Amino acid sequence: MEITETTWERLLALSRGAADIAASDAAYGLYSPIAGARGQFVLAQVGQSLCGRIATPAGDARVISGPDGLAHLHRCRALVDAVIVGVGTVRADDPKLSVRMVKGPAPVRVVVDCHAVLEGDESLFHDGGAPVIVFRGANARGRALPTAEVIDLEPKACGLDPQDILDALARRNLLRVLVEGGARTIARFIDAGLVDRLHVAISPIIIGSGPSGIILSPIERLAGAHRPVTEVYSLGSDILFDCRLERGRASDRQGQEVRVANQA
């Protein structure tokens, strides 16, 4: 799938509120649901290997996605208002969460740090990039975080509630949200029934061990599995599965409460 400069400019304009001018190319079909979303919209994205891994057991995850998979991720960032990662992702990868590979605005960077373990010396607090919001549990006591807005949320039994996070972002007019990682953070938004689209980008690499891309609560029968309507796109170096999830329908996996905890 190729994306022309004209198509990309049209998508950026759509994300800024321009009227939707339908186009027939595959790239517009893939990205226009994100760019054209009005009201709250949640996209989850994971880049993984053929065997479903997102890193080695030692935590090396920097070259799993191919160049086209990375460009796709940066396009998704450019089309949303905010990108969410868990504190585990920040501590393991020290990500910039930028859009340096594509033209477009950088989203607000959001970190879920339930137990306030961030030190304040992480790159995103010092790189001069997009604003940073950190969610902490109301009872947590952490260090001062330079340049970041810290939002305290009342934790539930298993951590911070994904809906509380989205509500706080919506009050700041951050409605289109990308949940980028890690696997448990993505899973909690999915299990809470809060994800509209799931993008799974698969790169032709076999790792064979290490953490999985999505870790949902266990089920006993396949009848309980998600079976989303899916479109498949060839990005070039990676294959993308664009999955339409049923927002508002919380998973019945074990009937448990779904929360965003410290591990992400």
Protein backbone atom coordinates (compact mmCIF):
# COMPACT_ATOMS: atom_id res chain seq x y z
CA MET A 1 0.00 0.00 0.00
CA GLU A 2 1.34 3.38 -1.01
CA ILE A 3 0.20 6.69 0.41
CA THR A 4 0.59 9.74 -1.78
CA GLU A 5 1.34 13.21 -0.48
CA THR A 6 -2.08 14.34 -1.70
CA THR A 7 -3.86 11.60 0.25
CA TRP A 8 -1.86 12.31 3.39
CA GLU A 9 -2.57 16.05 3.18
CA ARG A 10 -6.26 15.24 2.81
CA LEU A 11 -6.14 13.00 5.88
CA LEU A 12 -4.39 15.67 7.94
CA ALA A 13 -7.02 18.18 6.88
CA LEU A 14 -9.76 15.71 7.83
CA SER A 15 -8.20 15.31 11.28
CA ARG A 16 -8.35 19.10 11.70
CA GLY A 17 -12.09 19.09 11.02
CA ALA A 18 -12.29 19.53 7.25
CA ALA A 19 -15.22 17.96 5.44
CA ASP A 20 -14.67 14.37 4.38
CA ILE A 21 -14.01 14.09 0.64
CA ALA A 22 -14.25 10.38 -0.04
CA ALA A 23 -11.35 8.76 -1.85
CA SER A 24 -11.08 5.25 -3.18
CA ASP A 25 -7.45 4.43 -2.43
CA ALA A 26 -6.53 1.89 0.25
CA ALA A 27 -4.59 4.37 2.38
CA TYR A 28 -7.61 6.64 2.72
CA GLY A 29 -9.77 3.66 3.65
CA LEU A 30 -7.30 2.67 6.37
CA TYR A 31 -6.68 6.05 7.97
CA SER A 32 -9.91 8.01 7.40
CA PRO A 33 -11.79 6.31 10.31
CA ILE A 34 -9.10 7.72 12.61
CA ALA A 35 -8.77 11.14 11.02
CA GLY A 36 -12.51 11.57 10.57
CA ALA A 37 -13.57 10.43 14.03
CA ARG A 38 -15.68 12.99 15.84
CA GLY A 39 -16.16 12.49 19.54
CA GLN A 40 -14.20 9.95 21.53
CA PHE A 41 -12.32 7.38 19.44
CA VAL A 42 -9.75 4.87 20.67
CA LEU A 43 -7.23 3.09 18.45
CA ALA A 44 -4.93 0.43 19.88
CA GLN A 45 -1.80 -0.48 17.91
CA VAL A 46 0.73 -3.26 18.35
CA GLY A 47 3.72 -4.19 16.20
CA GLN A 48 4.82 -7.79 16.58
CA SER A 49 6.71 -10.70 15.04
CA LEU A 50 5.26 -13.59 13.06
CA CYS A 51 5.17 -15.55 16.31
CA GLY A 52 3.31 -12.83 18.19
CA ARG A 53 6.24 -11.43 20.17
CA ILE A 54 7.01 -7.76 20.78
CA ALA A 55 10.50 -8.17 22.29
CA THR A 56 13.15 -10.69 23.21
CA PRO A 57 13.15 -12.11 26.76
CA ALA A 58 15.86 -9.53 27.55
CA GLY A 59 13.57 -6.72 26.41
CA ASP A 60 15.10 -5.81 23.04
CA ALA A 61 12.17 -4.44 21.01
CA ARG A 62 13.66 -1.69 18.88
CA VAL A 63 13.80 -3.35 15.45
CA ILE A 64 10.79 -5.68 15.39
CA SER A 65 8.67 -3.50 13.10
CA GLY A 66 10.00 -2.84 9.63
CA PRO A 67 10.37 0.70 8.25
CA ASP A 68 6.87 0.70 6.77
CA GLY A 69 5.37 -0.57 10.01
CA LEU A 70 7.11 2.24 11.90
CA ALA A 71 5.92 4.83 9.37
CA HIS A 72 2.37 3.51 9.84
CA LEU A 73 2.67 3.94 13.61
CA HIS A 74 3.88 7.52 13.17
CA ARG A 75 0.95 8.26 10.85
CA CYS A 76 -1.43 6.99 13.51
CA ARG A 77 0.23 9.25 16.08
CA ALA A 78 -0.13 12.25 13.75
CA LEU A 79 -3.87 11.66 13.37
CA VAL A 80 -4.75 11.43 17.08
CA ASP A 81 -4.84 13.92 19.92
CA ALA A 82 -3.02 11.79 22.50
CA VAL A 83 -0.93 8.62 22.66
CA ILE A 84 -1.02 6.42 25.79
CA VAL A 85 1.71 4.11 27.04
CA GLY A 86 2.22 2.32 30.33
CA VAL A 87 5.11 3.07 32.63
CA GLY A 88 6.70 -0.28 31.76
CA THR A 89 7.06 0.84 28.14
CA VAL A 90 8.70 4.10 29.21
CA ARG A 91 11.13 2.35 31.52
CA ALA A 92 12.05 -0.34 28.98
CA ASP A 93 12.24 1.73 25.78
CA ASP A 94 12.51 5.40 26.86
CA PRO A 95 10.37 6.32 23.80
CA LYS A 96 10.01 9.77 22.24
CA LEU A 97 6.47 9.04 20.96
CA SER A 98 7.11 11.49 18.13
CA VAL A 99 5.99 11.75 14.49
CA ARG A 100 9.49 12.26 13.12
CA MET A 101 8.95 9.83 10.20
CA VAL A 102 5.93 11.66 8.76
CA LYS A 103 4.58 15.17 8.31
CA GLY A 104 1.97 16.10 10.90
CA PRO A 105 1.32 17.29 14.45
CA ALA A 106 2.71 15.41 17.43
CA PRO A 107 0.12 14.11 19.92
CA VAL A 108 0.09 14.78 23.63
CA ARG A 109 2.09 12.02 25.31
CA VAL A 110 0.33 10.18 28.15
CA VAL A 111 1.94 7.79 30.62
CA VAL A 112 0.04 5.57 33.05
CA ASP A 113 2.20 5.43 36.20
CA CYS A 114 -0.12 4.07 38.87
CA HIS A 115 2.51 3.74 41.59
CA ALA A 116 4.54 6.86 40.70
CA VAL A 117 7.79 5.08 39.82
CA LEU A 118 8.98 7.47 37.10
CA GLU A 119 12.16 9.26 38.13
CA GLY A 120 11.87 12.45 36.10
CA ASP A 121 15.05 11.89 34.09
CA GLU A 122 13.27 10.00 31.29
CA SER A 123 13.77 11.51 27.82
CA LEU A 124 10.19 12.60 27.21
CA PHE A 125 10.43 15.08 30.10
CA HIS A 126 13.46 16.81 28.58
CA ASP A 127 13.31 16.47 24.78
CA GLY A 128 11.27 19.59 24.07
CA GLY A 129 8.60 17.52 22.33
CA ALA A 130 4.83 17.44 22.72
CA PRO A 131 3.25 18.00 26.16
CA VAL A 132 3.29 15.11 28.64
CA ILE A 133 0.50 13.98 30.97
CA VAL A 134 1.18 11.41 33.69
CA PHE A 135 -1.62 9.55 35.47
CA ARG A 136 -0.89 8.45 39.01
CA GLY A 137 -2.86 6.77 41.73
CA ALA A 138 -4.19 9.38 44.16
CA ASN A 139 -2.36 7.76 47.07
CA ALA A 140 1.00 7.44 45.29
CA ARG A 141 3.86 9.73 46.21
CA GLY A 142 6.40 10.22 43.46
CA ARG A 143 9.08 12.59 42.33
CA ALA A 144 8.45 15.87 40.58
CA LEU A 145 8.28 15.36 36.81
CA PRO A 146 9.69 18.29 34.82
CA THR A 147 7.26 19.86 32.30
CA ALA A 148 4.59 17.17 32.86
CA GLU A 149 1.01 17.59 34.02
CA VAL A 150 0.39 15.02 36.74
CA ILE A 151 -3.22 13.86 37.17
CA ASP A 152 -4.15 11.89 40.28
CA LEU A 153 -6.94 9.35 39.85
CA GLU A 154 -8.59 7.34 42.57
CA PRO A 155 -7.39 3.76 42.02
CA LYS A 156 -9.86 0.91 41.96
CA ALA A 157 -9.17 -2.63 43.21
CA CYS A 158 -6.69 -3.46 40.44
CA GLY A 159 -5.32 -0.05 39.51
CA LEU A 160 -6.45 2.91 37.43
CA ASP A 161 -9.70 2.64 35.51
CA PRO A 162 -9.27 3.05 31.72
CA GLN A 163 -12.57 4.94 31.51
CA ASP A 164 -11.37 7.43 34.13
CA ILE A 165 -8.26 8.02 32.03
CA LEU A 166 -10.29 8.64 28.87
CA ASP A 167 -12.69 10.93 30.73
CA ALA A 168 -9.80 13.03 32.06
CA LEU A 169 -8.36 13.33 28.56
CA ALA A 170 -11.75 14.24 27.10
CA ARG A 171 -12.03 17.11 29.59
CA ARG A 172 -8.85 18.44 27.99
CA ASN A 173 -10.38 18.02 24.51
CA LEU A 174 -8.15 15.02 23.78
CA LEU A 175 -10.72 12.77 22.13
CA ARG A 176 -8.89 10.71 19.51
CA VAL A 177 -6.57 8.45 21.48
CA LEU A 178 -3.93 5.91 20.46
CA VAL A 179 -3.17 3.21 23.04
CA GLU A 180 0.30 2.11 21.98
CA GLY A 181 1.63 -0.12 24.71
CA GLY A 182 2.51 -2.17 26.44
CA ALA A 183 0.61 -5.39 26.02
CA ARG A 184 -1.21 -5.23 29.35
CA THR A 185 -2.26 -1.62 28.87
CA ILE A 186 -3.70 -2.43 25.44
CA ALA A 187 -5.44 -5.50 26.86
CA ARG A 188 -7.11 -3.56 29.65
CA PHE A 189 -8.60 -1.04 27.25
CA ILE A 190 -9.81 -3.89 25.03
CA ASP A 191 -11.28 -5.89 27.93
CA ALA A 192 -13.04 -2.76 29.18
CA GLY A 193 -14.79 -2.41 25.81
CA LEU A 194 -13.16 0.96 25.09
CA VAL A 195 -11.33 0.27 21.81
CA ASP A 196 -12.87 1.12 18.45
CA ARG A 197 -10.06 -0.16 16.21
CA LEU A 198 -7.13 -2.49 16.83
CA HIS A 199 -4.17 -2.38 14.44
CA VAL A 200 -1.85 -5.38 14.54
CA ALA A 201 1.24 -4.90 12.36
CA ILE A 202 3.15 -8.12 11.74
CA SER A 203 6.77 -8.07 10.66
CA PRO A 204 8.46 -11.09 8.99
CA ILE A 205 10.72 -11.92 11.90
CA ILE A 206 10.58 -14.98 14.15
CA ILE A 207 11.74 -14.53 17.74
CA GLY A 208 10.23 -17.63 19.36
CA SER A 209 10.19 -16.36 22.94
CA GLY A 210 9.61 -13.17 24.88
CA PRO A 211 6.53 -11.09 25.73
CA SER A 212 3.40 -11.34 23.60
CA GLY A 213 1.82 -8.42 21.78
CA ILE A 214 -1.56 -8.64 23.51
CA ILE A 215 -2.16 -10.38 26.83
CA LEU A 216 -5.89 -10.71 27.47
CA SER A 217 -7.53 -12.49 30.35
CA PRO A 218 -7.73 -16.26 29.73
CA ILE A 219 -10.81 -17.89 28.23
CA GLU A 220 -11.88 -21.53 28.32
CA ARG A 221 -13.70 -21.72 24.98
CA LEU A 222 -13.10 -20.13 21.62
CA ALA A 223 -16.71 -18.91 21.72
CA GLY A 224 -15.41 -16.20 24.07
CA ALA A 225 -12.71 -15.01 21.68
CA HIS A 226 -12.88 -11.70 19.87
CA ARG A 227 -13.73 -12.19 16.18
CA PRO A 228 -13.61 -8.67 14.77
CA VAL A 229 -14.41 -7.66 11.23
CA THR A 230 -10.93 -7.25 9.75
CA GLU A 231 -9.29 -5.68 6.72
CA VAL A 232 -5.75 -6.72 5.76
CA TYR A 233 -3.26 -4.27 4.25
CA SER A 234 0.25 -4.79 2.92
CA LEU A 235 2.31 -1.91 4.23
CA GLY A 236 5.42 -3.13 2.40
CA SER A 237 7.78 -4.39 5.08
CA ASP A 238 4.86 -5.38 7.36
CA ILE A 239 1.32 -6.74 7.08
CA LEU A 240 -1.40 -4.85 8.93
CA PHE A 241 -4.65 -6.26 10.35
CA ASP A 242 -7.20 -3.47 10.86
CA CYS A 243 -9.73 -4.89 13.33
CA ARG A 244 -13.07 -3.30 14.17
CA LEU A 245 -13.87 -4.00 17.79
CA GLU A 246 -17.24 -3.56 19.49
CA ARG A 247 -16.82 -0.47 21.62
CA GLY A 248 -19.08 -0.40 24.65
CA ARG A 249 -19.19 -4.17 24.98
CA ALA A 250 -16.93 -5.09 27.87
CA SER A 251 -15.32 -8.50 27.67
CA ASP A 252 -16.85 -11.25 29.80
CA ARG A 253 -13.45 -12.89 30.27
CA GLN A 254 -13.72 -14.33 33.78
CA GLY A 255 -16.09 -11.47 34.69
CA GLN A 256 -13.21 -9.62 36.27
CA GLU A 257 -12.80 -5.88 36.66
CA VAL A 258 -10.36 -4.50 34.14
CA ARG A 259 -7.95 -1.86 35.33
CA VAL A 260 -4.72 -0.29 34.20
CA ALA A 261 -2.15 -1.34 36.75
CA ASN A 262 1.51 -0.45 37.09
CA GLN A 263 2.81 -3.13 34.76
CA ALA A 264 2.32 -2.16 31.11
